[in-house]
Amino acid sequence: MIHKTFPIAEQLLAKGLQSAQSLHLQLLEEMNILKHNLPVESLDDITPQKQQLVSELNLFSKQLGQVLETEQLTNDRHGISAYFDKADSAGITTTQALKNWQQLVDIANKSRTLNDQNGASIDLLLRRTRQSLNILKGKPQTAHTYGRDGSTQSALFSGTLISV
């Protein structure tokens, strides 16, 4: 059965690698926008492209899982390793497919880290923006303190800073 599934897996890995590389480039572009304080609206262009690439990678994962299932292997790293071992045992040249798989795993790990960093940057930017808006709106903020009897008390610590 491996002789029938391997060409499919090889094509899937090539396409998956291409999608992963494209997603990584989108994440690098997003990082560049955040790092250099470029207009945040630029992120609006990147988000749909990232979502499309993530959908492609999810489909890739599902299809590769079906190939592994056909060979009665698990859909994880151990399963793919066993798949390559099985292909080698059957005399199939796995050099390019294995190289694509290793690159895919490497890019996926780098992309995960980059996505986490970008998410943290966006969260920080969002918090700063909210704080600035609250200051400009003069939204009262309360601080909770403890009274002598141990109960909490709320006290205003901010008011309108600018009034026109």
N, C-alpha and C. Protein backbone atom coordinates (compact mmCIF):
# COMPACT_ATOMS: atom_id res chain seq x y z
N MET A 1 0.82 -1.20 0.00
CA MET A 1 0.00 0.00 0.00
C MET A 1 0.87 1.27 0.00
N ILE A 2 2.06 1.17 0.58
CA ILE A 2 2.94 2.34 0.68
C ILE A 2 3.32 2.87 -0.70
N HIS A 3 3.38 1.97 -1.69
CA HIS A 3 3.72 2.41 -3.05
C HIS A 3 2.63 3.30 -3.64
N LYS A 4 1.40 3.13 -3.18
CA LYS A 4 0.29 3.97 -3.66
C LYS A 4 0.19 5.27 -2.88
N THR A 5 0.46 5.22 -1.59
CA THR A 5 0.27 6.41 -0.75
C THR A 5 1.47 7.36 -0.76
N PHE A 6 2.66 6.83 -1.03
CA PHE A 6 3.84 7.69 -0.93
C PHE A 6 3.84 8.85 -1.92
N PRO A 7 3.48 8.65 -3.18
CA PRO A 7 3.44 9.81 -4.09
C PRO A 7 2.45 10.89 -3.62
N ILE A 8 1.36 10.45 -3.02
CA ILE A 8 0.38 11.41 -2.48
C ILE A 8 1.00 12.17 -1.31
N ALA A 9 1.64 11.43 -0.41
CA ALA A 9 2.28 12.06 0.75
C ALA A 9 3.38 13.02 0.31
N GLU A 10 4.12 12.64 -0.71
CA GLU A 10 5.20 13.50 -1.23
C GLU A 10 4.63 14.82 -1.75
N GLN A 11 3.54 14.75 -2.50
CA GLN A 11 2.89 15.97 -3.00
C GLN A 11 2.33 16.81 -1.85
N LEU A 12 1.72 16.14 -0.88
CA LEU A 12 1.17 16.86 0.27
C LEU A 12 2.27 17.59 1.03
N LEU A 13 3.40 16.94 1.23
CA LEU A 13 4.50 17.56 1.96
C LEU A 13 5.05 18.77 1.22
N ALA A 14 5.16 18.67 -0.09
CA ALA A 14 5.65 19.80 -0.88
C ALA A 14 4.68 20.98 -0.77
N LYS A 15 3.39 20.71 -0.87
CA LYS A 15 2.38 21.77 -0.77
C LYS A 15 2.32 22.33 0.65
N GLY A 16 2.41 21.45 1.64
CA GLY A 16 2.40 21.89 3.04
C GLY A 16 3.59 22.77 3.36
N LEU A 17 4.75 22.41 2.83
CA LEU A 17 5.96 23.22 3.04
C LEU A 17 5.79 24.59 2.41
N GLN A 18 5.23 24.63 1.22
CA GLN A 18 5.00 25.91 0.54
C GLN A 18 4.04 26.79 1.36
N SER A 19 2.98 26.22 1.88
CA SER A 19 2.03 26.99 2.69
C SER A 19 2.68 27.47 3.99
N ALA A 20 3.47 26.61 4.61
CA ALA A 20 4.15 26.98 5.85
C ALA A 20 5.15 28.11 5.62
N GLN A 21 5.87 28.05 4.50
CA GLN A 21 6.81 29.12 4.18
C GLN A 21 6.08 30.44 3.94
N SER A 22 4.96 30.38 3.25
CA SER A 22 4.17 31.59 3.00
C SER A 22 3.64 32.18 4.30
N LEU A 23 3.17 31.31 5.19
CA LEU A 23 2.67 31.79 6.49
C LEU A 23 3.80 32.43 7.29
N HIS A 24 4.97 31.81 7.25
CA HIS A 24 6.11 32.37 7.98
C HIS A 24 6.46 33.76 7.45
N LEU A 25 6.41 33.94 6.13
CA LEU A 25 6.67 35.26 5.55
C LEU A 25 5.63 36.28 6.00
N GLN A 26 4.37 35.86 6.10
CA GLN A 26 3.32 36.76 6.58
C GLN A 26 3.58 37.16 8.03
N LEU A 27 4.02 36.21 8.83
CA LEU A 27 4.32 36.50 10.23
C LEU A 27 5.52 37.44 10.35
N LEU A 28 6.51 37.27 9.49
CA LEU A 28 7.66 38.18 9.49
C LEU A 28 7.24 39.59 9.09
N GLU A 29 6.34 39.68 8.12
CA GLU A 29 5.83 40.99 7.71
C GLU A 29 5.04 41.64 8.85
N GLU A 30 4.25 40.84 9.54
CA GLU A 30 3.50 41.34 10.69
C GLU A 30 4.45 41.84 11.78
N MET A 31 5.51 41.08 12.03
CA MET A 31 6.50 41.48 13.02
C MET A 31 7.16 42.79 12.63
N ASN A 32 7.47 42.95 11.35
CA ASN A 32 8.09 44.17 10.85
C ASN A 32 7.18 45.38 11.08
N ILE A 33 5.90 45.21 10.82
CA ILE A 33 4.94 46.30 11.04
C ILE A 33 4.91 46.69 12.51
N LEU A 34 4.86 45.69 13.38
CA LEU A 34 4.79 45.96 14.82
C LEU A 34 6.10 46.54 15.34
N LYS A 35 7.21 46.04 14.84
CA LYS A 35 8.52 46.46 15.31
C LYS A 35 8.84 47.91 14.94
N HIS A 36 8.44 48.31 13.74
CA HIS A 36 8.79 49.64 13.24
C HIS A 36 7.66 50.65 13.37
N ASN A 37 6.67 50.33 14.19
CA ASN A 37 5.54 51.24 14.44
C ASN A 37 4.90 51.75 13.15
N LEU A 38 4.77 50.87 12.18
CA LEU A 38 4.09 51.24 10.93
C LEU A 38 2.59 51.28 11.19
N PRO A 39 1.82 51.87 10.30
CA PRO A 39 0.37 51.95 10.53
C PRO A 39 -0.23 50.56 10.79
N VAL A 40 -0.96 50.47 11.87
CA VAL A 40 -1.54 49.19 12.29
C VAL A 40 -2.57 48.68 11.28
N GLU A 41 -3.11 49.58 10.48
CA GLU A 41 -4.08 49.17 9.47
C GLU A 41 -3.48 48.16 8.50
N SER A 42 -2.16 48.17 8.38
CA SER A 42 -1.48 47.21 7.50
C SER A 42 -1.73 45.78 7.95
N LEU A 43 -1.97 45.61 9.25
CA LEU A 43 -2.25 44.27 9.77
C LEU A 43 -3.57 43.73 9.22
N ASP A 44 -4.49 44.64 8.90
CA ASP A 44 -5.79 44.22 8.36
C ASP A 44 -5.63 43.50 7.03
N ASP A 45 -4.59 43.83 6.28
CA ASP A 45 -4.34 43.17 5.00
C ASP A 45 -3.73 41.79 5.20
N ILE A 46 -2.93 41.65 6.24
CA ILE A 46 -2.22 40.40 6.48
C ILE A 46 -3.13 39.33 7.08
N THR A 47 -4.05 39.73 7.94
CA THR A 47 -4.87 38.77 8.67
C THR A 47 -5.64 37.80 7.77
N PRO A 48 -6.36 38.28 6.73
CA PRO A 48 -7.07 37.31 5.89
C PRO A 48 -6.13 36.35 5.15
N GLN A 49 -4.96 36.85 4.78
CA GLN A 49 -3.99 35.99 4.10
C GLN A 49 -3.49 34.90 5.06
N LYS A 50 -3.23 35.30 6.31
CA LYS A 50 -2.80 34.32 7.31
C LYS A 50 -3.89 33.28 7.55
N GLN A 51 -5.13 33.74 7.65
CA GLN A 51 -6.24 32.80 7.88
C GLN A 51 -6.35 31.79 6.74
N GLN A 52 -6.17 32.25 5.52
CA GLN A 52 -6.22 31.35 4.36
C GLN A 52 -5.11 30.31 4.44
N LEU A 53 -3.91 30.75 4.79
CA LEU A 53 -2.78 29.83 4.88
C LEU A 53 -2.96 28.83 6.02
N VAL A 54 -3.52 29.29 7.13
CA VAL A 54 -3.79 28.38 8.24
C VAL A 54 -4.82 27.33 7.82
N SER A 55 -5.83 27.75 7.07
CA SER A 55 -6.83 26.79 6.56
C SER A 55 -6.17 25.76 5.65
N GLU A 56 -5.26 26.21 4.80
CA GLU A 56 -4.54 25.29 3.92
C GLU A 56 -3.71 24.29 4.73
N LEU A 57 -3.06 24.79 5.79
CA LEU A 57 -2.24 23.91 6.62
C LEU A 57 -3.10 22.92 7.41
N ASN A 58 -4.28 23.35 7.84
CA ASN A 58 -5.20 22.43 8.52
C ASN A 58 -5.65 21.33 7.57
N LEU A 59 -5.95 21.70 6.33
CA LEU A 59 -6.34 20.71 5.32
C LEU A 59 -5.18 19.75 5.05
N PHE A 60 -3.97 20.30 4.94
CA PHE A 60 -2.77 19.47 4.75
C PHE A 60 -2.64 18.45 5.88
N SER A 61 -2.81 18.91 7.11
CA SER A 61 -2.69 18.03 8.26
C SER A 61 -3.73 16.91 8.22
N LYS A 62 -4.94 17.28 7.86
CA LYS A 62 -6.02 16.30 7.77
C LYS A 62 -5.71 15.26 6.67
N GLN A 63 -5.27 15.73 5.51
CA GLN A 63 -4.98 14.83 4.40
C GLN A 63 -3.79 13.92 4.71
N LEU A 64 -2.76 14.48 5.34
CA LEU A 64 -1.60 13.67 5.72
C LEU A 64 -2.02 12.63 6.76
N GLY A 65 -2.90 13.03 7.66
CA GLY A 65 -3.44 12.09 8.65
C GLY A 65 -4.17 10.94 7.99
N GLN A 66 -4.89 11.22 6.91
CA GLN A 66 -5.60 10.16 6.19
C GLN A 66 -4.62 9.20 5.53
N VAL A 67 -3.53 9.75 4.99
CA VAL A 67 -2.50 8.89 4.39
C VAL A 67 -1.90 7.99 5.46
N LEU A 68 -1.58 8.57 6.61
CA LEU A 68 -1.00 7.78 7.70
C LEU A 68 -1.99 6.73 8.20
N GLU A 69 -3.25 7.11 8.27
CA GLU A 69 -4.29 6.18 8.72
C GLU A 69 -4.41 5.00 7.75
N THR A 70 -4.28 5.29 6.46
CA THR A 70 -4.32 4.23 5.45
C THR A 70 -3.22 3.21 5.70
N GLU A 71 -2.09 3.69 6.18
CA GLU A 71 -0.96 2.81 6.49
C GLU A 71 -1.02 2.31 7.94
N GLN A 72 -2.13 2.58 8.62
CA GLN A 72 -2.35 2.18 10.02
C GLN A 72 -1.27 2.74 10.95
N LEU A 73 -0.99 4.04 10.77
CA LEU A 73 -0.03 4.75 11.61
C LEU A 73 -0.73 5.92 12.28
N THR A 74 -0.15 6.39 13.37
CA THR A 74 -0.74 7.52 14.09
C THR A 74 -0.41 8.83 13.39
N ASN A 75 -1.28 9.80 13.57
CA ASN A 75 -1.09 11.11 12.94
C ASN A 75 -0.30 12.01 13.89
N ASP A 76 0.98 11.71 14.02
CA ASP A 76 1.89 12.52 14.83
C ASP A 76 3.31 12.31 14.31
N ARG A 77 4.27 12.88 15.01
CA ARG A 77 5.67 12.78 14.54
C ARG A 77 6.16 11.33 14.50
N HIS A 78 5.71 10.54 15.47
CA HIS A 78 6.12 9.13 15.48
C HIS A 78 5.53 8.40 14.27
N GLY A 79 4.30 8.74 13.94
CA GLY A 79 3.65 8.12 12.79
C GLY A 79 4.34 8.46 11.48
N ILE A 80 4.72 9.72 11.33
CA ILE A 80 5.39 10.13 10.08
C ILE A 80 6.79 9.50 10.00
N SER A 81 7.47 9.39 11.15
CA SER A 81 8.78 8.71 11.16
C SER A 81 8.63 7.25 10.75
N ALA A 82 7.62 6.61 11.30
CA ALA A 82 7.36 5.21 10.96
C ALA A 82 6.99 5.08 9.48
N TYR A 83 6.29 6.08 8.96
CA TYR A 83 5.91 6.08 7.54
C TYR A 83 7.15 6.14 6.65
N PHE A 84 8.08 7.03 7.00
CA PHE A 84 9.32 7.11 6.21
C PHE A 84 10.14 5.83 6.33
N ASP A 85 10.17 5.24 7.53
CA ASP A 85 10.88 3.97 7.70
C ASP A 85 10.25 2.88 6.84
N LYS A 86 8.93 2.86 6.81
CA LYS A 86 8.20 1.88 6.02
C LYS A 86 8.49 2.07 4.53
N ALA A 87 8.54 3.33 4.09
CA ALA A 87 8.84 3.62 2.69
C ALA A 87 10.27 3.21 2.35
N ASP A 88 11.20 3.50 3.25
CA ASP A 88 12.60 3.08 3.03
C ASP A 88 12.69 1.55 2.91
N SER A 89 11.99 0.86 3.79
CA SER A 89 12.00 -0.61 3.76
C SER A 89 11.44 -1.16 2.46
N ALA A 90 10.51 -0.40 1.86
CA ALA A 90 9.90 -0.83 0.60
C ALA A 90 10.76 -0.43 -0.60
N GLY A 91 11.90 0.21 -0.36
CA GLY A 91 12.80 0.59 -1.44
C GLY A 91 12.44 1.90 -2.12
N ILE A 92 11.62 2.71 -1.48
CA ILE A 92 11.21 4.00 -2.04
C ILE A 92 12.22 5.06 -1.61
N THR A 93 12.62 5.91 -2.54
CA THR A 93 13.53 7.01 -2.23
C THR A 93 12.74 8.10 -1.49
N THR A 94 13.15 8.36 -0.27
CA THR A 94 12.42 9.32 0.58
C THR A 94 13.19 10.60 0.83
N THR A 95 14.32 10.77 0.19
CA THR A 95 15.22 11.89 0.49
C THR A 95 14.52 13.24 0.43
N GLN A 96 13.86 13.54 -0.68
CA GLN A 96 13.23 14.85 -0.84
C GLN A 96 12.04 15.03 0.09
N ALA A 97 11.23 14.00 0.22
CA ALA A 97 10.05 14.09 1.09
C ALA A 97 10.48 14.27 2.55
N LEU A 98 11.50 13.55 2.96
CA LEU A 98 12.01 13.67 4.33
C LEU A 98 12.59 15.06 4.56
N LYS A 99 13.30 15.58 3.58
CA LYS A 99 13.85 16.94 3.67
C LYS A 99 12.71 17.95 3.80
N ASN A 100 11.66 17.79 2.98
CA ASN A 100 10.50 18.69 3.07
C ASN A 100 9.85 18.61 4.44
N TRP A 101 9.73 17.40 4.99
CA TRP A 101 9.12 17.22 6.30
C TRP A 101 9.95 17.93 7.38
N GLN A 102 11.25 17.75 7.33
CA GLN A 102 12.12 18.38 8.33
C GLN A 102 12.06 19.90 8.24
N GLN A 103 12.03 20.43 7.01
CA GLN A 103 11.90 21.88 6.83
C GLN A 103 10.55 22.36 7.34
N LEU A 104 9.51 21.59 7.08
CA LEU A 104 8.17 21.94 7.53
C LEU A 104 8.10 22.02 9.05
N VAL A 105 8.67 21.05 9.73
CA VAL A 105 8.69 21.04 11.19
C VAL A 105 9.47 22.24 11.72
N ASP A 106 10.62 22.53 11.11
CA ASP A 106 11.46 23.66 11.53
C ASP A 106 10.71 24.98 11.35
N ILE A 107 10.09 25.16 10.19
CA ILE A 107 9.36 26.41 9.92
C ILE A 107 8.15 26.52 10.84
N ALA A 108 7.49 25.41 11.10
CA ALA A 108 6.32 25.43 11.99
C ALA A 108 6.72 25.88 13.40
N ASN A 109 7.85 25.38 13.89
CA ASN A 109 8.33 25.78 15.22
C ASN A 109 8.69 27.26 15.26
N LYS A 110 9.39 27.73 14.23
CA LYS A 110 9.75 29.15 14.16
C LYS A 110 8.50 30.02 14.05
N SER A 111 7.54 29.57 13.26
CA SER A 111 6.31 30.33 13.07
C SER A 111 5.50 30.40 14.36
N ARG A 112 5.47 29.31 15.11
CA ARG A 112 4.75 29.31 16.39
C ARG A 112 5.34 30.35 17.34
N THR A 113 6.66 30.37 17.43
CA THR A 113 7.34 31.35 18.29
C THR A 113 7.07 32.77 17.81
N LEU A 114 7.18 32.99 16.53
CA LEU A 114 6.95 34.31 15.95
C LEU A 114 5.51 34.75 16.16
N ASN A 115 4.57 33.84 16.00
CA ASN A 115 3.16 34.16 16.21
C ASN A 115 2.89 34.54 17.66
N ASP A 116 3.52 33.83 18.60
CA ASP A 116 3.37 34.16 20.02
C ASP A 116 3.93 35.55 20.31
N GLN A 117 5.09 35.86 19.74
CA GLN A 117 5.70 37.17 19.95
C GLN A 117 4.83 38.28 19.34
N ASN A 118 4.32 38.04 18.14
CA ASN A 118 3.45 39.04 17.50
C ASN A 118 2.17 39.23 18.30
N GLY A 119 1.62 38.15 18.81
CA GLY A 119 0.42 38.24 19.63
C GLY A 119 0.66 39.06 20.89
N ALA A 120 1.81 38.86 21.52
CA ALA A 120 2.14 39.64 22.71
C ALA A 120 2.32 41.12 22.36
N SER A 121 2.93 41.40 21.22
CA SER A 121 3.10 42.79 20.79
C SER A 121 1.76 43.45 20.51
N ILE A 122 0.86 42.72 19.86
CA ILE A 122 -0.47 43.26 19.57
C ILE A 122 -1.24 43.50 20.86
N ASP A 123 -1.12 42.58 21.82
CA ASP A 123 -1.80 42.74 23.10
C ASP A 123 -1.28 43.98 23.83
N LEU A 124 0.03 44.17 23.82
CA LEU A 124 0.63 45.35 24.45
C LEU A 124 0.15 46.63 23.77
N LEU A 125 0.12 46.62 22.46
CA LEU A 125 -0.36 47.77 21.70
C LEU A 125 -1.82 48.07 22.02
N LEU A 126 -2.63 47.03 22.14
CA LEU A 126 -4.04 47.19 22.47
C LEU A 126 -4.21 47.79 23.87
N ARG A 127 -3.43 47.30 24.82
CA ARG A 127 -3.51 47.85 26.19
C ARG A 127 -3.12 49.33 26.21
N ARG A 128 -2.04 49.67 25.51
CA ARG A 128 -1.60 51.06 25.46
C ARG A 128 -2.67 51.95 24.84
N THR A 129 -3.27 51.46 23.78
CA THR A 129 -4.32 52.23 23.10
C THR A 129 -5.51 52.44 24.02
N ARG A 130 -5.92 51.39 24.73
CA ARG A 130 -7.04 51.52 25.68
C ARG A 130 -6.72 52.51 26.79
N GLN A 131 -5.51 52.45 27.31
CA GLN A 131 -5.11 53.38 28.37
C GLN A 131 -5.14 54.81 27.85
N SER A 132 -4.64 55.02 26.65
CA SER A 132 -4.65 56.37 26.07
C SER A 132 -6.07 56.86 25.87
N LEU A 133 -6.93 56.00 25.38
CA LEU A 133 -8.33 56.39 25.19
C LEU A 133 -9.01 56.71 26.52
N ASN A 134 -8.74 55.91 27.54
CA ASN A 134 -9.33 56.18 28.85
C ASN A 134 -8.86 57.52 29.41
N ILE A 135 -7.60 57.84 29.19
CA ILE A 135 -7.08 59.13 29.66
C ILE A 135 -7.75 60.27 28.91
N LEU A 136 -7.84 60.14 27.59
CA LEU A 136 -8.46 61.19 26.79
C LEU A 136 -9.95 61.35 27.09
N LYS A 137 -10.63 60.24 27.34
CA LYS A 137 -12.06 60.30 27.63
C LYS A 137 -12.31 60.75 29.07
N GLY A 138 -11.28 60.69 29.88
CA GLY A 138 -11.46 61.07 31.27
C GLY A 138 -12.28 60.05 32.03
N LYS A 139 -12.22 58.84 31.59
CA LYS A 139 -12.98 57.77 32.23
C LYS A 139 -12.43 57.56 33.64
N PRO A 140 -13.29 57.66 34.63
CA PRO A 140 -12.81 57.46 36.00
C PRO A 140 -12.40 56.01 36.22
N GLN A 141 -11.27 55.85 36.83
CA GLN A 141 -10.81 54.51 37.17
C GLN A 141 -10.80 54.41 38.69
N THR A 142 -11.11 53.25 39.18
CA THR A 142 -11.17 53.09 40.62
C THR A 142 -10.03 52.20 41.09
N ALA A 143 -9.57 52.52 42.28
CA ALA A 143 -8.55 51.70 42.92
C ALA A 143 -9.20 51.07 44.13
N HIS A 144 -8.95 49.81 44.33
CA HIS A 144 -9.51 49.11 45.47
C HIS A 144 -8.47 49.08 46.58
N THR A 145 -8.86 49.57 47.75
CA THR A 145 -7.98 49.55 48.91
C THR A 145 -8.73 48.88 50.05
N TYR A 146 -8.01 48.54 51.08
CA TYR A 146 -8.61 47.92 52.25
C TYR A 146 -8.78 48.96 53.35
N GLY A 147 -9.94 48.96 53.97
CA GLY A 147 -10.19 49.85 55.10
C GLY A 147 -9.69 49.23 56.39
N ARG A 148 -9.90 49.94 57.51
CA ARG A 148 -9.41 49.46 58.81
C ARG A 148 -10.08 48.15 59.22
N ASP A 149 -11.33 47.99 58.80
CA ASP A 149 -12.05 46.77 59.18
C ASP A 149 -11.82 45.62 58.20
N GLY A 150 -10.97 45.80 57.19
CA GLY A 150 -10.65 44.75 56.24
C GLY A 150 -11.53 44.72 55.01
N SER A 151 -12.55 45.59 54.98
CA SER A 151 -13.41 45.61 53.80
C SER A 151 -12.75 46.45 52.71
N THR A 152 -13.13 46.16 51.47
CA THR A 152 -12.54 46.91 50.36
C THR A 152 -13.29 48.21 50.15
N GLN A 153 -12.54 49.21 49.75
CA GLN A 153 -13.10 50.51 49.43
C GLN A 153 -12.61 50.89 48.05
N SER A 154 -13.48 51.54 47.29
CA SER A 154 -13.09 52.00 45.97
C SER A 154 -12.84 53.49 46.03
N ALA A 155 -11.76 53.92 45.43
CA ALA A 155 -11.44 55.34 45.40
C ALA A 155 -11.08 55.72 43.97
N LEU A 156 -11.56 56.87 43.53
CA LEU A 156 -11.22 57.36 42.21
C LEU A 156 -9.79 57.87 42.21
N PHE A 157 -9.02 57.49 41.22
CA PHE A 157 -7.66 58.03 41.14
C PHE A 157 -7.40 58.71 39.82
N SER A 158 -8.42 58.89 39.02
CA SER A 158 -8.24 59.54 37.74
C SER A 158 -9.48 60.35 37.43
N GLY A 159 -9.28 61.44 36.78
CA GLY A 159 -10.41 62.26 36.38
C GLY A 159 -10.11 62.88 35.04
N THR A 160 -10.92 63.81 34.61
CA THR A 160 -10.71 64.47 33.34
C THR A 160 -9.42 65.27 33.40
N LEU A 161 -8.53 65.00 32.48
CA LEU A 161 -7.26 65.71 32.46
C LEU A 161 -7.34 66.96 31.59
N ILE A 162 -8.09 66.85 30.50
CA ILE A 162 -8.20 67.98 29.58
C ILE A 162 -9.67 68.23 29.33
N SER A 163 -10.06 69.48 29.45
CA SER A 163 -11.45 69.82 29.17
C SER A 163 -11.44 71.01 28.22
N VAL A 164 -12.13 70.87 27.13
CA VAL A 164 -12.16 71.94 26.14
C VAL A 164 -13.56 72.48 26.03
